[in-house]
Amino acid sequence: MVSWSTIQSALLFFGPMLLPRVIAFYRSLRAPTNAQRVPVSPEASRALNLIFASAVVSLIFTLPYFTPNNIFSKTGSRLQTPTNVLFNRLSALTPQDEALRNVFSTGGLEARLQYLRFGPEVLCNCPLVDDPKAHDVGTNYLICALPSLLKTHLMHLLFLGLATSTIIGGSSAARWRTAAILSAIAVMIADVSSVATYEHQRNARAATFGEVENFFWTRYLVSHLSICVVDAVLGLAIWASATNRAFVIPPSPALILEAQTKAFEKSLAKFRSLSAVRNVVMREAGFRNRVSDYWRQEGDIMHEVLEERDVVEAMNEVLAKMDVDGVTNEADAFVNQFMPEFRTEGTAAI
């Protein structure tokens, strides 16, 4: 069990790094959920591809072909089975099996217990162990097992670091960099701690193969699946934030002011262009006469249309159904909202 002091130490260490993320997550939940959906950017696509590749590689390593063999499960033997009988049950012996046979012959039950804890690779290739029965053999095996334990997690950290970098993943992935690194480190610490604190003597009382606790193979499977889970959650978070489906960060007042200023500048440029075109038209006699003729013809046409019987009847029906008082009140409220001072001054003058 993890002690309270260990939890406090972990909170003191990871708290300053996790607190800003928690605050940002809380603000994102309070942000408007009707943000406009956007497609995944090329940078976010690259980040998602890297994370997907990391998850697929970890998942592939959980397949039986890539999982180290367990000689006891392969032969269905008990932990106390004699060494010669155990290896005679194998159809063919590999160089690793020969080395493991020598370790079992020399180390006895202790070597088999360490085998269930560290796996075959460490027992066959650890240069620090001369006598598998020595009292410090567990520590030496742990030192030899650390490179293989850390290799997988360091590669995972490399994938996440590349995926959440600003150059490759862009801002959508970079905002999750701290959470991704801390999650990968937490999985690595949990994996190493489980091996370091495992009590291998608990298998000494196993009378049948069904009672044996195959710690190494269970830990191997769980560690790779944990990496897949971390990648899946991180990929979902990046996709949701990149498409504005969740974790939307409201724009700062400075960005809002900048966007509105740009919109006003565009409108002002259009008005200036329209004013320039109008000045050109009104200064040239031919254009001015054409404009006058157009509006004169437009007035005549509309006058004729409005005098038609069908149009008059339709307009009367619309006016009969219209709430004139409501429209008048809405118009008055609209004018009062945008020009209250003008209305007040005009009323005082009257």
Protein backbone atom coordinates (compact mmCIF):
# COMPACT_ATOMS: atom_id res chain seq x y z
CA MET A 1 0.00 0.00 0.00
CA VAL A 2 1.14 3.54 -0.69
CA SER A 3 1.71 5.50 2.51
CA TRP A 4 0.24 8.93 3.18
CA SER A 5 3.72 10.47 3.33
CA THR A 6 4.43 9.18 -0.18
CA ILE A 7 1.18 10.73 -1.44
CA GLN A 8 2.06 14.05 0.21
CA SER A 9 5.53 14.02 -1.36
CA ALA A 10 4.03 13.29 -4.78
CA LEU A 11 1.50 16.13 -4.38
CA LEU A 12 4.24 18.57 -3.35
CA PHE A 13 6.32 17.57 -6.37
CA PHE A 14 3.62 17.40 -9.05
CA GLY A 15 1.21 19.97 -7.56
CA PRO A 16 2.85 23.14 -8.98
CA MET A 17 2.88 21.56 -12.44
CA LEU A 18 -0.64 20.12 -12.34
CA LEU A 19 -2.43 23.09 -10.76
CA PRO A 20 -2.28 25.38 -13.85
CA ARG A 21 -3.60 22.52 -15.98
CA VAL A 22 -6.47 21.91 -13.58
CA ILE A 23 -7.38 25.61 -13.64
CA ALA A 24 -7.24 25.69 -17.44
CA PHE A 25 -9.41 22.57 -17.60
CA TYR A 26 -11.97 24.15 -15.27
CA ARG A 27 -12.06 27.31 -17.37
CA SER A 28 -12.47 25.27 -20.53
CA LEU A 29 -15.50 23.55 -19.04
CA ARG A 30 -17.05 26.94 -18.28
CA ALA A 31 -16.28 28.23 -21.78
CA PRO A 32 -19.14 28.48 -24.31
CA THR A 33 -19.96 25.08 -25.81
CA ASN A 34 -21.31 26.57 -29.04
CA ALA A 35 -17.89 27.39 -30.40
CA GLN A 36 -17.59 27.02 -34.13
CA ARG A 37 -16.27 23.61 -35.18
CA VAL A 38 -13.08 23.71 -37.20
CA PRO A 39 -11.28 20.95 -39.11
CA VAL A 40 -8.14 19.37 -37.71
CA SER A 41 -5.10 21.44 -38.62
CA PRO A 42 -2.09 19.82 -40.35
CA GLU A 43 -0.01 20.29 -37.19
CA ALA A 44 -2.61 18.54 -35.04
CA SER A 45 -2.84 15.75 -37.63
CA ARG A 46 0.90 15.15 -37.34
CA ALA A 47 0.62 14.99 -33.55
CA LEU A 48 -2.29 12.56 -33.74
CA ASN A 49 -0.38 10.36 -36.19
CA LEU A 50 2.62 10.16 -33.86
CA ILE A 51 0.44 9.32 -30.88
CA PHE A 52 -1.43 6.70 -32.89
CA ALA A 53 1.88 5.14 -33.98
CA SER A 54 3.04 4.99 -30.35
CA ALA A 55 -0.21 3.30 -29.26
CA VAL A 56 -0.06 0.78 -32.12
CA VAL A 57 3.57 -0.14 -31.37
CA SER A 58 2.76 -0.68 -27.68
CA LEU A 59 -0.26 -2.76 -28.61
CA ILE A 60 1.77 -4.90 -31.00
CA PHE A 61 4.28 -5.72 -28.26
CA THR A 62 1.46 -7.25 -26.20
CA LEU A 63 0.93 -9.97 -28.83
CA PRO A 64 2.16 -13.48 -27.89
CA TYR A 65 4.79 -13.42 -30.63
CA PHE A 66 6.61 -10.50 -28.99
CA THR A 67 5.97 -11.54 -25.37
CA PRO A 68 8.84 -13.44 -23.66
CA ASN A 69 8.08 -17.11 -23.13
CA ASN A 70 7.10 -18.42 -19.71
CA ILE A 71 8.63 -21.86 -19.40
CA PHE A 72 6.23 -22.91 -16.65
CA SER A 73 3.08 -21.96 -18.56
CA LYS A 74 4.52 -23.36 -21.78
CA THR A 75 5.13 -26.77 -20.21
CA GLY A 76 2.32 -26.65 -17.64
CA SER A 77 4.80 -27.46 -14.88
CA ARG A 78 4.78 -26.71 -11.17
CA LEU A 79 7.31 -24.35 -9.67
CA GLN A 80 8.94 -27.28 -7.82
CA THR A 81 9.37 -29.43 -10.93
CA PRO A 82 12.98 -30.73 -11.20
CA THR A 83 15.12 -28.82 -13.66
CA ASN A 84 15.87 -31.78 -15.94
CA VAL A 85 12.21 -32.75 -16.11
CA LEU A 86 11.20 -29.13 -16.74
CA PHE A 87 13.51 -28.61 -19.70
CA ASN A 88 12.97 -32.12 -21.11
CA ARG A 89 9.36 -31.12 -21.67
CA LEU A 90 10.50 -28.51 -24.20
CA SER A 91 10.58 -29.69 -27.80
CA ALA A 92 13.76 -27.74 -28.62
CA LEU A 93 16.15 -25.73 -26.45
CA THR A 94 17.31 -22.29 -27.51
CA PRO A 95 20.55 -20.69 -26.25
CA GLN A 96 18.48 -18.72 -23.78
CA ASP A 97 16.88 -21.94 -22.51
CA GLU A 98 20.32 -23.46 -21.98
CA ALA A 99 21.46 -20.43 -20.00
CA LEU A 100 18.25 -20.48 -17.99
CA ARG A 101 18.76 -24.18 -17.27
CA ASN A 102 22.14 -23.45 -15.73
CA VAL A 103 20.64 -20.66 -13.60
CA PHE A 104 17.86 -22.93 -12.34
CA SER A 105 20.31 -25.73 -11.58
CA THR A 106 22.55 -23.40 -9.58
CA GLY A 107 19.97 -21.16 -7.96
CA GLY A 108 17.22 -23.63 -7.10
CA LEU A 109 13.89 -22.24 -5.91
CA GLU A 110 15.27 -18.70 -5.42
CA ALA A 111 16.23 -18.51 -9.09
CA ARG A 112 12.75 -19.62 -10.12
CA LEU A 113 11.14 -17.00 -7.90
CA GLN A 114 13.36 -14.29 -9.39
CA TYR A 115 12.47 -15.64 -12.84
CA LEU A 116 8.80 -14.98 -12.15
CA ARG A 117 9.71 -11.47 -11.00
CA PHE A 118 12.19 -10.33 -13.69
CA GLY A 119 11.64 -12.67 -16.64
CA PRO A 120 14.10 -14.79 -18.61
CA GLU A 121 16.11 -12.00 -20.24
CA VAL A 122 17.43 -10.57 -16.96
CA LEU A 123 18.29 -13.94 -15.39
CA CYS A 124 20.22 -15.09 -18.45
CA ASN A 125 22.13 -11.85 -19.18
CA CYS A 126 22.80 -10.19 -15.83
CA PRO A 127 26.60 -9.79 -15.40
CA LEU A 128 26.27 -8.72 -11.75
CA VAL A 129 25.07 -12.12 -10.52
CA ASP A 130 27.55 -14.95 -10.10
CA ASP A 131 25.63 -16.91 -7.49
CA PRO A 132 21.82 -16.99 -7.98
CA LYS A 133 21.50 -17.95 -4.28
CA ALA A 134 23.27 -14.84 -2.92
CA HIS A 135 21.36 -12.66 -0.44
CA ASP A 136 21.61 -9.53 -2.62
CA VAL A 137 20.71 -11.26 -5.88
CA GLY A 138 17.36 -9.42 -6.06
CA THR A 139 19.05 -6.00 -5.98
CA ASN A 140 21.53 -7.02 -8.67
CA TYR A 141 18.77 -8.36 -10.88
CA LEU A 142 16.84 -5.12 -10.38
CA ILE A 143 19.83 -3.08 -11.51
CA CYS A 144 20.14 -5.23 -14.62
CA ALA A 145 16.40 -4.96 -15.29
CA LEU A 146 16.28 -1.15 -15.13
CA PRO A 147 17.56 -0.52 -18.70
CA SER A 148 14.91 -2.77 -20.22
CA LEU A 149 12.25 -1.29 -17.94
CA LEU A 150 13.14 2.30 -18.80
CA LYS A 151 13.71 1.73 -22.52
CA THR A 152 10.02 1.34 -23.34
CA HIS A 153 8.96 4.33 -21.27
CA LEU A 154 11.74 6.57 -22.58
CA MET A 155 10.68 5.78 -26.14
CA HIS A 156 7.13 6.62 -25.14
CA LEU A 157 8.30 9.93 -23.70
CA LEU A 158 10.16 10.65 -26.94
CA PHE A 159 7.01 10.07 -29.01
CA LEU A 160 4.92 12.27 -26.73
CA GLY A 161 7.59 14.98 -26.65
CA LEU A 162 7.67 15.12 -30.45
CA ALA A 163 3.89 15.01 -30.78
CA THR A 164 3.31 17.82 -28.29
CA SER A 165 6.07 20.10 -29.53
CA THR A 166 5.05 23.41 -31.06
CA ILE A 167 7.00 22.77 -34.25
CA ILE A 168 5.33 19.42 -35.01
CA GLY A 169 2.02 19.47 -33.17
CA GLY A 170 1.26 23.18 -33.11
CA SER A 171 -0.48 25.02 -30.31
CA SER A 172 -3.39 22.54 -30.09
CA ALA A 173 -1.03 19.74 -29.07
CA ALA A 174 1.49 21.89 -27.19
CA ARG A 175 -1.11 22.89 -24.59
CA TRP A 176 -1.23 19.21 -23.51
CA ARG A 177 2.54 18.79 -23.29
CA THR A 178 2.80 18.97 -19.49
CA ALA A 179 -0.11 16.60 -18.93
CA ALA A 180 1.29 14.13 -21.46
CA ILE A 181 4.79 14.12 -19.99
CA LEU A 182 3.51 13.80 -16.42
CA SER A 183 1.21 10.93 -17.39
CA ALA A 184 4.03 9.06 -19.12
CA ILE A 185 6.34 9.64 -16.13
CA ALA A 186 3.63 8.42 -13.75
CA VAL A 187 3.26 5.19 -15.76
CA MET A 188 7.04 4.72 -15.75
CA ILE A 189 7.33 5.30 -12.00
CA ALA A 190 4.46 2.91 -11.31
CA ASP A 191 6.04 0.25 -13.51
CA VAL A 192 9.49 0.49 -11.92
CA SER A 193 8.04 0.72 -8.42
CA SER A 194 5.98 -2.42 -8.91
CA VAL A 195 9.11 -4.38 -9.81
CA ALA A 196 11.22 -2.86 -7.03
CA THR A 197 8.64 -3.47 -4.29
CA TYR A 198 7.35 -6.87 -5.44
CA GLU A 199 7.69 -9.61 -2.82
CA HIS A 200 8.81 -12.60 -4.83
CA GLN A 201 8.64 -15.01 -1.90
CA ARG A 202 4.85 -15.13 -2.11
CA ASN A 203 5.20 -17.69 -4.92
CA ALA A 204 7.25 -20.02 -2.75
CA ARG A 205 4.08 -21.55 -1.27
CA ALA A 206 2.41 -22.19 -4.65
CA ALA A 207 1.77 -25.93 -4.90
CA THR A 208 0.25 -25.94 -8.41
CA PHE A 209 0.80 -23.93 -11.54
CA GLY A 210 -2.61 -22.27 -11.14
CA GLU A 211 -1.48 -20.78 -7.83
CA VAL A 212 1.68 -19.24 -9.33
CA GLU A 213 1.62 -15.47 -9.72
CA ASN A 214 3.25 -14.72 -13.08
CA PHE A 215 4.23 -11.19 -12.10
CA PHE A 216 6.64 -10.42 -14.94
CA TRP A 217 4.17 -11.27 -17.73
CA THR A 218 1.26 -9.53 -16.01
CA ARG A 219 3.35 -6.40 -15.47
CA TYR A 220 4.60 -6.54 -19.07
CA LEU A 221 1.03 -6.63 -20.40
CA VAL A 222 -0.30 -3.96 -18.02
CA SER A 223 2.56 -1.53 -18.69
CA HIS A 224 2.06 -1.65 -22.47
CA LEU A 225 -1.71 -1.35 -22.15
CA SER A 226 -1.24 1.63 -19.82
CA ILE A 227 0.83 3.33 -22.51
CA CYS A 228 -1.98 2.68 -25.00
CA VAL A 229 -4.53 4.18 -22.62
CA VAL A 230 -2.41 7.29 -22.07
CA ASP A 231 -1.99 7.71 -25.83
CA ALA A 232 -5.70 7.23 -26.46
CA VAL A 233 -6.75 9.79 -23.84
CA LEU A 234 -4.14 12.28 -25.03
CA GLY A 235 -5.13 11.82 -28.68
CA LEU A 236 -8.79 12.37 -27.82
CA ALA A 237 -7.95 15.53 -25.88
CA ILE A 238 -5.85 16.94 -28.73
CA TRP A 239 -8.54 16.12 -31.30
CA ALA A 240 -11.30 17.67 -29.17
CA SER A 241 -9.34 20.85 -28.49
CA ALA A 242 -8.11 21.16 -32.10
CA THR A 243 -11.67 20.98 -33.47
CA ASN A 244 -13.25 23.16 -30.73
CA ARG A 245 -15.44 20.28 -29.54
CA ALA A 246 -14.17 20.56 -25.97
CA PHE A 247 -11.58 22.34 -23.84
CA VAL A 248 -12.22 25.57 -25.72
CA ILE A 249 -10.15 28.42 -24.30
CA PRO A 250 -12.05 31.73 -24.51
CA PRO A 251 -10.11 34.40 -26.39
CA SER A 252 -8.45 37.04 -24.28
CA PRO A 253 -9.74 40.65 -24.30
CA ALA A 254 -6.70 41.70 -26.30
CA LEU A 255 -7.50 39.17 -29.05
CA ILE A 256 -11.16 40.21 -29.09
CA LEU A 257 -10.18 43.87 -29.39
CA GLU A 258 -7.71 43.06 -32.15
CA ALA A 259 -10.34 41.08 -34.12
CA GLN A 260 -12.91 43.86 -33.78
CA THR A 261 -10.35 46.46 -34.82
CA LYS A 262 -9.53 44.47 -37.94
CA ALA A 263 -13.24 44.14 -38.75
CA PHE A 264 -13.72 47.89 -38.37
CA GLU A 265 -10.70 48.56 -40.56
CA LYS A 266 -12.13 46.33 -43.31
CA SER A 267 -15.51 48.06 -43.10
CA LEU A 268 -13.85 51.47 -43.18
CA ALA A 269 -11.84 50.47 -46.25
CA LYS A 270 -15.04 49.35 -48.00
CA PHE A 271 -16.79 52.62 -47.14
CA ARG A 272 -13.84 54.62 -48.44
CA SER A 273 -13.84 52.62 -51.68
CA LEU A 274 -17.58 53.14 -52.03
CA SER A 275 -17.16 56.87 -51.38
CA ALA A 276 -14.42 57.08 -54.02
CA VAL A 277 -16.60 55.28 -56.57
CA ARG A 278 -19.54 57.57 -55.76
CA ASN A 279 -17.41 60.67 -56.14
CA VAL A 280 -16.21 59.46 -59.53
CA VAL A 281 -19.76 58.72 -60.65
CA MET A 282 -21.16 62.07 -59.48
CA ARG A 283 -18.31 64.07 -60.99
CA GLU A 284 -18.72 62.60 -64.48
CA ALA A 285 -21.76 63.95 -66.28
CA GLY A 286 -22.53 60.76 -68.23
CA PHE A 287 -22.45 58.54 -65.13
CA ARG A 288 -24.46 61.07 -63.17
CA ASN A 289 -27.18 61.19 -65.83
CA ARG A 290 -27.32 57.36 -65.96
CA VAL A 291 -27.75 57.20 -62.20
CA SER A 292 -30.50 59.80 -62.31
CA ASP A 293 -32.26 57.98 -65.15
CA TYR A 294 -32.01 54.67 -63.24
CA TRP A 295 -33.62 56.00 -60.06
CA ARG A 296 -36.29 57.88 -62.07
CA GLN A 297 -37.19 54.71 -63.94
CA GLU A 298 -37.07 52.74 -60.69
CA GLY A 299 -39.53 55.17 -59.09
CA ASP A 300 -41.91 54.94 -62.05
CA ILE A 301 -41.79 51.14 -62.09
CA MET A 302 -42.39 50.83 -58.34
CA HIS A 303 -45.21 53.38 -58.53
CA GLU A 304 -46.90 51.32 -61.22
CA VAL A 305 -46.40 48.09 -59.27
CA LEU A 306 -47.81 49.52 -56.05
CA GLU A 307 -50.91 50.79 -57.90
CA GLU A 308 -51.84 47.30 -59.13
CA ARG A 309 -54.90 45.82 -57.50
CA ASP A 310 -53.32 42.51 -56.46
CA VAL A 311 -50.39 44.28 -54.80
CA VAL A 312 -52.68 46.66 -52.94
CA GLU A 313 -54.81 43.79 -51.63
CA ALA A 314 -51.76 41.82 -50.54
CA MET A 315 -50.31 44.84 -48.71
CA ASN A 316 -53.62 45.46 -46.96
CA GLU A 317 -53.75 41.83 -45.78
CA VAL A 318 -50.20 42.04 -44.43
CA LEU A 319 -50.91 45.31 -42.64
CA ALA A 320 -54.11 43.87 -41.16
CA LYS A 321 -52.18 40.94 -39.66
CA MET A 322 -49.23 43.06 -38.48
CA ASP A 323 -48.99 44.28 -34.90
CA VAL A 324 -48.30 47.92 -35.67
CA ASP A 325 -48.01 48.90 -32.02
CA GLY A 326 -45.51 46.12 -31.35
CA VAL A 327 -43.37 47.09 -34.32
CA THR A 328 -43.51 50.72 -33.25
CA ASN A 329 -42.42 49.85 -29.71
CA GLU A 330 -39.56 47.67 -30.97
CA ALA A 331 -38.36 50.42 -33.27
CA ASP A 332 -38.57 52.96 -30.48
CA ALA A 333 -36.63 50.68 -28.13
CA PHE A 334 -34.00 50.12 -30.80
CA VAL A 335 -33.59 53.87 -31.33
CA ASN A 336 -33.46 54.53 -27.59
CA GLN A 337 -30.76 51.90 -27.16
CA PHE A 338 -28.41 53.37 -29.71
CA MET A 339 -29.23 57.08 -29.49
CA PRO A 340 -30.42 57.81 -25.92
CA GLU A 341 -28.60 61.13 -25.61
CA PHE A 342 -29.92 62.38 -28.95
CA ARG A 343 -33.45 61.48 -28.00
CA THR A 344 -33.12 63.18 -24.62
CA GLU A 345 -31.70 66.37 -26.09
CA GLY A 346 -34.34 66.42 -28.81
CA THR A 347 -37.16 66.00 -26.29
CA ALA A 348 -35.73 68.77 -24.08
CA ALA A 349 -35.50 71.07 -27.02
CA ILE A 350 -39.13 70.44 -27.90
